[in-house]
PDB file of N, CA and C in Angstrom:
ATOM      1  N   MET A   1      30.516 -22.171 -55.081  1.00  0.00           N
ATOM      2  CA  MET A   1      30.332 -20.987 -55.880  1.00  0.00           C
ATOM      3  C   MET A   1      31.682 -20.291 -55.994  1.00  0.00           C
ATOM      4  N   SER A   2      32.044 -19.925 -57.194  1.00  0.00           N
ATOM      5  CA  SER A   2      33.360 -19.321 -57.424  1.00  0.00           C
ATOM      6  C   SER A   2      33.337 -17.821 -57.128  1.00  0.00           C
ATOM      7  N   LYS A   3      34.525 -17.263 -57.106  1.00  0.00           N
ATOM      8  CA  LYS A   3      34.690 -15.835 -56.871  1.00  0.00           C
ATOM      9  C   LYS A   3      33.955 -15.027 -57.937  1.00  0.00           C
ATOM     10  N   LEU A   4      34.039 -15.456 -59.185  1.00  0.00           N
ATOM     11  CA  LEU A   4      33.366 -14.739 -60.264  1.00  0.00           C
ATOM     12  C   LEU A   4      31.850 -14.847 -60.170  1.00  0.00           C
ATOM     13  N   GLU A   5      31.351 -15.961 -59.697  1.00  0.00           N
ATOM     14  CA  GLU A   5      29.905 -16.112 -59.524  1.00  0.00           C
ATOM     15  C   GLU A   5      29.399 -15.188 -58.416  1.00  0.00           C
ATOM     16  N   ILE A   6      30.178 -15.019 -57.377  1.00  0.00           N
ATOM     17  CA  ILE A   6      29.794 -14.109 -56.304  1.00  0.00           C
ATOM     18  C   ILE A   6      29.840 -12.668 -56.802  1.00  0.00           C
ATOM     19  N   LEU A   7      30.857 -12.326 -57.577  1.00  0.00           N
ATOM     20  CA  LEU A   7      30.931 -10.998 -58.181  1.00  0.00           C
ATOM     21  C   LEU A   7      29.723 -10.757 -59.081  1.00  0.00           C
ATOM     22  N   GLN A   8      29.344 -11.755 -59.842  1.00  0.00           N
ATOM     23  CA  GLN A   8      28.194 -11.632 -60.730  1.00  0.00           C
ATOM     24  C   GLN A   8      26.910 -11.373 -59.924  1.00  0.00           C
ATOM     25  N   GLU A   9      26.746 -12.058 -58.806  1.00  0.00           N
ATOM     26  CA  GLU A   9      25.574 -11.836 -57.946  1.00  0.00           C
ATOM     27  C   GLU A   9      25.544 -10.402 -57.426  1.00  0.00           C
ATOM     28  N   ILE A  10      26.696  -9.914 -56.974  1.00  0.00           N
ATOM     29  CA  ILE A  10      26.760  -8.543 -56.477  1.00  0.00           C
ATOM     30  C   ILE A  10      26.434  -7.568 -57.593  1.00  0.00           C
ATOM     31  N   PHE A  11      26.998  -7.796 -58.768  1.00  0.00           N
ATOM     32  CA  PHE A  11      26.774  -6.916 -59.916  1.00  0.00           C
ATOM     33  C   PHE A  11      25.297  -6.893 -60.303  1.00  0.00           C
ATOM     34  N   HIS A  12      24.671  -8.042 -60.371  1.00  0.00           N
ATOM     35  CA  HIS A  12      23.272  -8.089 -60.792  1.00  0.00           C
ATOM     36  C   HIS A  12      22.311  -7.581 -59.722  1.00  0.00           C
ATOM     37  N   GLN A  13      22.643  -7.781 -58.471  1.00  0.00           N
ATOM     38  CA  GLN A  13      21.754  -7.340 -57.397  1.00  0.00           C
ATOM     39  C   GLN A  13      21.947  -5.867 -57.043  1.00  0.00           C
ATOM     40  N   ALA A  14      23.183  -5.399 -57.047  1.00  0.00           N
ATOM     41  CA  ALA A  14      23.460  -4.033 -56.597  1.00  0.00           C
ATOM     42  C   ALA A  14      23.784  -3.082 -57.736  1.00  0.00           C
ATOM     43  N   GLY A  15      24.266  -3.619 -58.860  1.00  0.00           N
ATOM     44  CA  GLY A  15      24.661  -2.734 -59.951  1.00  0.00           C
ATOM     45  C   GLY A  15      25.822  -1.851 -59.534  1.00  0.00           C
ATOM     46  N   SER A  16      25.887  -0.673 -60.119  1.00  0.00           N
ATOM     47  CA  SER A  16      26.999   0.226 -59.819  1.00  0.00           C
ATOM     48  C   SER A  16      26.602   1.324 -58.852  1.00  0.00           C
ATOM     49  N   LYS A  17      25.334   1.474 -58.582  1.00  0.00           N
ATOM     50  CA  LYS A  17      24.875   2.594 -57.764  1.00  0.00           C
ATOM     51  C   LYS A  17      24.387   2.183 -56.385  1.00  0.00           C
ATOM     52  N   LYS A  18      24.006   0.931 -56.205  1.00  0.00           N
ATOM     53  CA  LYS A  18      23.445   0.482 -54.938  1.00  0.00           C
ATOM     54  C   LYS A  18      24.456  -0.354 -54.164  1.00  0.00           C
ATOM     55  N   PHE A  19      24.087  -0.632 -52.933  1.00  0.00           N
ATOM     56  CA  PHE A  19      24.908  -1.466 -52.068  1.00  0.00           C
ATOM     57  C   PHE A  19      24.169  -2.760 -51.766  1.00  0.00           C
ATOM     58  N   ILE A  20      24.935  -3.791 -51.463  1.00  0.00           N
ATOM     59  CA  ILE A  20      24.363  -5.061 -51.028  1.00  0.00           C
ATOM     60  C   ILE A  20      25.096  -5.462 -49.749  1.00  0.00           C
ATOM     61  N   THR A  21      24.353  -5.864 -48.757  1.00  0.00           N
ATOM     62  CA  THR A  21      24.965  -6.216 -47.472  1.00  0.00           C
ATOM     63  C   THR A  21      25.499  -7.647 -47.505  1.00  0.00           C
ATOM     64  N   LEU A  22      26.352  -7.941 -46.548  1.00  0.00           N
ATOM     65  CA  LEU A  22      26.883  -9.297 -46.417  1.00  0.00           C
ATOM     66  C   LEU A  22      25.740 -10.278 -46.176  1.00  0.00           C
ATOM     67  N   TYR A  23      24.776  -9.877 -45.377  1.00  0.00           N
ATOM     68  CA  TYR A  23      23.626 -10.746 -45.100  1.00  0.00           C
ATOM     69  C   TYR A  23      22.865 -11.068 -46.388  1.00  0.00           C
ATOM     70  N   GLU A  24      22.653 -10.075 -47.234  1.00  0.00           N
ATOM     71  CA  GLU A  24      21.953 -10.311 -48.503  1.00  0.00           C
ATOM     72  C   GLU A  24      22.742 -11.258 -49.408  1.00  0.00           C
ATOM     73  N   ILE A  25      24.051 -11.125 -49.402  1.00  0.00           N
ATOM     74  CA  ILE A  25      24.887 -12.029 -50.201  1.00  0.00           C
ATOM     75  C   ILE A  25      24.796 -13.444 -49.645  1.00  0.00           C
ATOM     76  N   GLU A  26      24.768 -13.562 -48.310  1.00  0.00           N
ATOM     77  CA  GLU A  26      24.610 -14.876 -47.680  1.00  0.00           C
ATOM     78  C   GLU A  26      23.300 -15.533 -48.129  1.00  0.00           C
ATOM     79  N   VAL A  27      22.224 -14.771 -48.127  1.00  0.00           N
ATOM     80  CA  VAL A  27      20.918 -15.299 -48.519  1.00  0.00           C
ATOM     81  C   VAL A  27      20.920 -15.717 -49.992  1.00  0.00           C
ATOM     82  N   LEU A  28      21.502 -14.893 -50.848  1.00  0.00           N
ATOM     83  CA  LEU A  28      21.521 -15.188 -52.286  1.00  0.00           C
ATOM     84  C   LEU A  28      22.361 -16.414 -52.625  1.00  0.00           C
ATOM     85  N   THR A  29      23.500 -16.540 -51.944  1.00  0.00           N
ATOM     86  CA  THR A  29      24.436 -17.611 -52.314  1.00  0.00           C
ATOM     87  C   THR A  29      24.297 -18.864 -51.470  1.00  0.00           C
ATOM     88  N   GLY A  30      23.774 -18.721 -50.265  1.00  0.00           N
ATOM     89  CA  GLY A  30      23.683 -19.869 -49.359  1.00  0.00           C
ATOM     90  C   GLY A  30      24.981 -20.161 -48.632  1.00  0.00           C
ATOM     91  N   TYR A  31      25.965 -19.270 -48.751  1.00  0.00           N
ATOM     92  CA  TYR A  31      27.243 -19.447 -48.060  1.00  0.00           C
ATOM     93  C   TYR A  31      27.270 -18.610 -46.789  1.00  0.00           C
ATOM     94  N   SER A  32      28.056 -19.044 -45.823  1.00  0.00           N
ATOM     95  CA  SER A  32      28.182 -18.310 -44.567  1.00  0.00           C
ATOM     96  C   SER A  32      29.031 -17.054 -44.773  1.00  0.00           C
ATOM     97  N   GLY A  33      28.849 -16.113 -43.874  1.00  0.00           N
ATOM     98  CA  GLY A  33      29.636 -14.884 -43.925  1.00  0.00           C
ATOM     99  C   GLY A  33      31.122 -15.147 -43.809  1.00  0.00           C
ATOM    100  N   LEU A  34      31.492 -16.163 -43.052  1.00  0.00           N
ATOM    101  CA  LEU A  34      32.902 -16.525 -42.893  1.00  0.00           C
ATOM    102  C   LEU A  34      33.516 -16.929 -44.233  1.00  0.00           C
ATOM    103  N   HIS A  35      32.818 -17.781 -44.976  1.00  0.00           N
ATOM    104  CA  HIS A  35      33.299 -18.203 -46.301  1.00  0.00           C
ATOM    105  C   HIS A  35      33.313 -17.009 -47.260  1.00  0.00           C
ATOM    106  N   LEU A  36      32.245 -16.239 -47.246  1.00  0.00           N
ATOM    107  CA  LEU A  36      32.131 -15.109 -48.175  1.00  0.00           C
ATOM    108  C   LEU A  36      33.173 -14.037 -47.896  1.00  0.00           C
ATOM    109  N   ARG A  37      33.482 -13.812 -46.640  1.00  0.00           N
ATOM    110  CA  ARG A  37      34.432 -12.746 -46.293  1.00  0.00           C
ATOM    111  C   ARG A  37      35.772 -12.963 -46.988  1.00  0.00           C
ATOM    112  N   THR A  38      36.235 -14.182 -47.069  1.00  0.00           N
ATOM    113  CA  THR A  38      37.515 -14.478 -47.752  1.00  0.00           C
ATOM    114  C   THR A  38      37.434 -14.116 -49.221  1.00  0.00           C
ATOM    115  N   VAL A  39      36.348 -14.508 -49.864  1.00  0.00           N
ATOM    116  CA  VAL A  39      36.161 -14.221 -51.288  1.00  0.00           C
ATOM    117  C   VAL A  39      36.019 -12.716 -51.506  1.00  0.00           C
ATOM    118  N   LEU A  40      35.259 -12.060 -50.653  1.00  0.00           N
ATOM    119  CA  LEU A  40      35.058 -10.618 -50.788  1.00  0.00           C
ATOM    120  C   LEU A  40      36.365  -9.853 -50.589  1.00  0.00           C
ATOM    121  N   GLU A  41      37.195 -10.313 -49.683  1.00  0.00           N
ATOM    122  CA  GLU A  41      38.505  -9.672 -49.482  1.00  0.00           C
ATOM    123  C   GLU A  41      39.362  -9.814 -50.737  1.00  0.00           C
ATOM    124  N   ASP A  42      39.314 -10.979 -51.378  1.00  0.00           N
ATOM    125  CA  ASP A  42      40.047 -11.177 -52.638  1.00  0.00           C
ATOM    126  C   ASP A  42      39.539 -10.219 -53.712  1.00  0.00           C
ATOM    127  N   LEU A  43      38.226 -10.076 -53.814  1.00  0.00           N
ATOM    128  CA  LEU A  43      37.644  -9.166 -54.803  1.00  0.00           C
ATOM    129  C   LEU A  43      38.018  -7.719 -54.502  1.00  0.00           C
ATOM    130  N   LYS A  44      38.114  -7.374 -53.224  1.00  0.00           N
ATOM    131  CA  LYS A  44      38.536  -6.027 -52.846  1.00  0.00           C
ATOM    132  C   LYS A  44      39.999  -5.801 -53.218  1.00  0.00           C
ATOM    133  N   GLU A  45      40.844  -6.797 -52.980  1.00  0.00           N
ATOM    134  CA  GLU A  45      42.258  -6.681 -53.337  1.00  0.00           C
ATOM    135  C   GLU A  45      42.441  -6.504 -54.833  1.00  0.00           C
ATOM    136  N   GLU A  46      41.584  -7.145 -55.609  1.00  0.00           N
ATOM    137  CA  GLU A  46      41.644  -7.012 -57.071  1.00  0.00           C
ATOM    138  C   GLU A  46      40.966  -5.734 -57.546  1.00  0.00           C
ATOM    139  N   ARG A  47      40.425  -4.967 -56.596  1.00  0.00           N
ATOM    140  CA  ARG A  47      39.758  -3.695 -56.851  1.00  0.00           C
ATOM    141  C   ARG A  47      38.520  -3.831 -57.726  1.00  0.00           C
ATOM    142  N   LEU A  48      37.834  -4.977 -57.583  1.00  0.00           N
ATOM    143  CA  LEU A  48      36.605  -5.203 -58.341  1.00  0.00           C
ATOM    144  C   LEU A  48      35.366  -4.788 -57.554  1.00  0.00           C
ATOM    145  N   ILE A  49      35.490  -4.755 -56.218  1.00  0.00           N
ATOM    146  CA  ILE A  49      34.389  -4.279 -55.379  1.00  0.00           C
ATOM    147  C   ILE A  49      34.936  -3.314 -54.330  1.00  0.00           C
ATOM    148  N   LEU A  50      34.019  -2.530 -53.773  1.00  0.00           N
ATOM    149  CA  LEU A  50      34.344  -1.602 -52.696  1.00  0.00           C
ATOM    150  C   LEU A  50      33.480  -1.956 -51.496  1.00  0.00           C
ATOM    151  N   GLU A  51      34.007  -1.723 -50.300  1.00  0.00           N
ATOM    152  CA  GLU A  51      33.224  -1.966 -49.095  1.00  0.00           C
ATOM    153  C   GLU A  51      32.973  -0.641 -48.392  1.00  0.00           C
ATOM    154  N   HIS A  52      31.729  -0.392 -48.062  1.00  0.00           N
ATOM    155  CA  HIS A  52      31.295   0.808 -47.357  1.00  0.00           C
ATOM    156  C   HIS A  52      30.519   0.362 -46.123  1.00  0.00           C
ATOM    157  N   PRO A  53      30.250   1.270 -45.209  1.00  0.00           N
ATOM    158  CA  PRO A  53      29.409   0.904 -44.062  1.00  0.00           C
ATOM    159  C   PRO A  53      28.028   0.387 -44.495  1.00  0.00           C
ATOM    160  N   GLU A  54      27.533   0.858 -45.650  1.00  0.00           N
ATOM    161  CA  GLU A  54      26.228   0.426 -46.151  1.00  0.00           C
ATOM    162  C   GLU A  54      26.261  -0.973 -46.762  1.00  0.00           C
ATOM    163  N   GLY A  55      27.440  -1.450 -47.149  1.00  0.00           N
ATOM    164  CA  GLY A  55      27.573  -2.763 -47.767  1.00  0.00           C
ATOM    165  C   GLY A  55      28.642  -2.765 -48.846  1.00  0.00           C
ATOM    166  N   PHE A  56      28.450  -3.634 -49.820  1.00  0.00           N
ATOM    167  CA  PHE A  56      29.421  -3.791 -50.902  1.00  0.00           C
ATOM    168  C   PHE A  56      28.858  -3.202 -52.183  1.00  0.00           C
ATOM    169  N   GLN A  57      29.773  -2.705 -53.017  1.00  0.00           N
ATOM    170  CA  GLN A  57      29.402  -2.089 -54.285  1.00  0.00           C
ATOM    171  C   GLN A  57      30.467  -2.456 -55.307  1.00  0.00           C
ATOM    172  N   VAL A  58      30.061  -2.634 -56.540  1.00  0.00           N
ATOM    173  CA  VAL A  58      31.014  -2.935 -57.600  1.00  0.00           C
ATOM    174  C   VAL A  58      31.756  -1.647 -57.944  1.00  0.00           C
ATOM    175  N   SER A  59      33.076  -1.726 -58.038  1.00  0.00           N
ATOM    176  CA  SER A  59      33.898  -0.560 -58.365  1.00  0.00           C
ATOM    177  C   SER A  59      33.808  -0.262 -59.859  1.00  0.00           C
ATOM    178  N   GLU A  60      34.372   0.857 -60.259  1.00  0.00           N
ATOM    179  CA  GLU A  60      34.375   1.215 -61.683  1.00  0.00           C
ATOM    180  C   GLU A  60      35.124   0.161 -62.503  1.00  0.00           C
ATOM    181  N   LYS A  61      36.273  -0.277 -61.990  1.00  0.00           N
ATOM    182  CA  LYS A  61      37.032  -1.340 -62.655  1.00  0.00           C
ATOM    183  C   LYS A  61      36.194  -2.621 -62.725  1.00  0.00           C
ATOM    184  N   GLY A  62      35.490  -2.920 -61.631  1.00  0.00           N
ATOM    185  CA  GLY A  62      34.634  -4.099 -61.587  1.00  0.00           C
ATOM    186  C   GLY A  62      33.485  -4.023 -62.569  1.00  0.00           C
ATOM    187  N   ILE A  63      32.925  -2.830 -62.743  1.00  0.00           N
ATOM    188  CA  ILE A  63      31.830  -2.649 -63.701  1.00  0.00           C
ATOM    189  C   ILE A  63      32.308  -2.965 -65.107  1.00  0.00           C
ATOM    190  N   HIS A  64      33.465  -2.453 -65.471  1.00  0.00           N
ATOM    191  CA  HIS A  64      34.015  -2.726 -66.803  1.00  0.00           C
ATOM    192  C   HIS A  64      34.269  -4.227 -66.974  1.00  0.00           C
ATOM    193  N   PHE A  65      34.818  -4.846 -65.946  1.00  0.00           N
ATOM    194  CA  PHE A  65      35.079  -6.269 -65.987  1.00  0.00           C
ATOM    195  C   PHE A  65      33.777  -7.055 -66.162  1.00  0.00           C
ATOM    196  N   CYS A  66      32.775  -6.707 -65.359  1.00  0.00           N
ATOM    197  CA  CYS A  66      31.479  -7.416 -65.405  1.00  0.00           C
ATOM    198  C   CYS A  66      30.790  -7.236 -66.755  1.00  0.00           C
ATOM    199  N   LYS A  67      30.830  -6.030 -67.260  1.00  0.00           N
ATOM    200  CA  LYS A  67      30.176  -5.768 -68.554  1.00  0.00           C
ATOM    201  C   LYS A  67      30.857  -6.555 -69.665  1.00  0.00           C
ATOM    202  N   SER A  68      32.169  -6.713 -69.574  1.00  0.00           N
ATOM    203  CA  SER A  68      32.880  -7.467 -70.617  1.00  0.00           C
ATOM    204  C   SER A  68      32.564  -8.964 -70.517  1.00  0.00           C
ATOM    205  N   LYS A  69      32.160  -9.419 -69.328  1.00  0.00           N
ATOM    206  CA  LYS A  69      31.872 -10.838 -69.127  1.00  0.00           C
ATOM    207  C   LYS A  69      30.411 -11.199 -69.342  1.00  0.00           C
ATOM    208  N   TRP A  70      29.484 -10.346 -68.827  1.00  0.00           N
ATOM    209  CA  TRP A  70      28.092 -10.767 -68.725  1.00  0.00           C
ATOM    210  C   TRP A  70      27.081  -9.900 -69.447  1.00  0.00           C
ATOM    211  N   ILE A  71      27.495  -8.840 -70.101  1.00  0.00           N
ATOM    212  CA  ILE A  71      26.492  -8.025 -70.807  1.00  0.00           C
ATOM    213  C   ILE A  71      26.761  -8.079 -72.290  1.00  0.00           C
TER     214      ILE A  71
END
């Protein structure tokens, strides 16, 4: 699963207002947290997602990116 596919899962599951936990992403994608953490760090560096104690959320920049790709 590519970085963009993982971003798409987060966007569709959490949207812009909700959070999704690492465990939920693991269940959705079938990848381990170790594998996902690397991809999620890349997405954070690109400022497409944000990480909070509650989980991950798509950033404003990420929302614009996702909408241009998938909506």
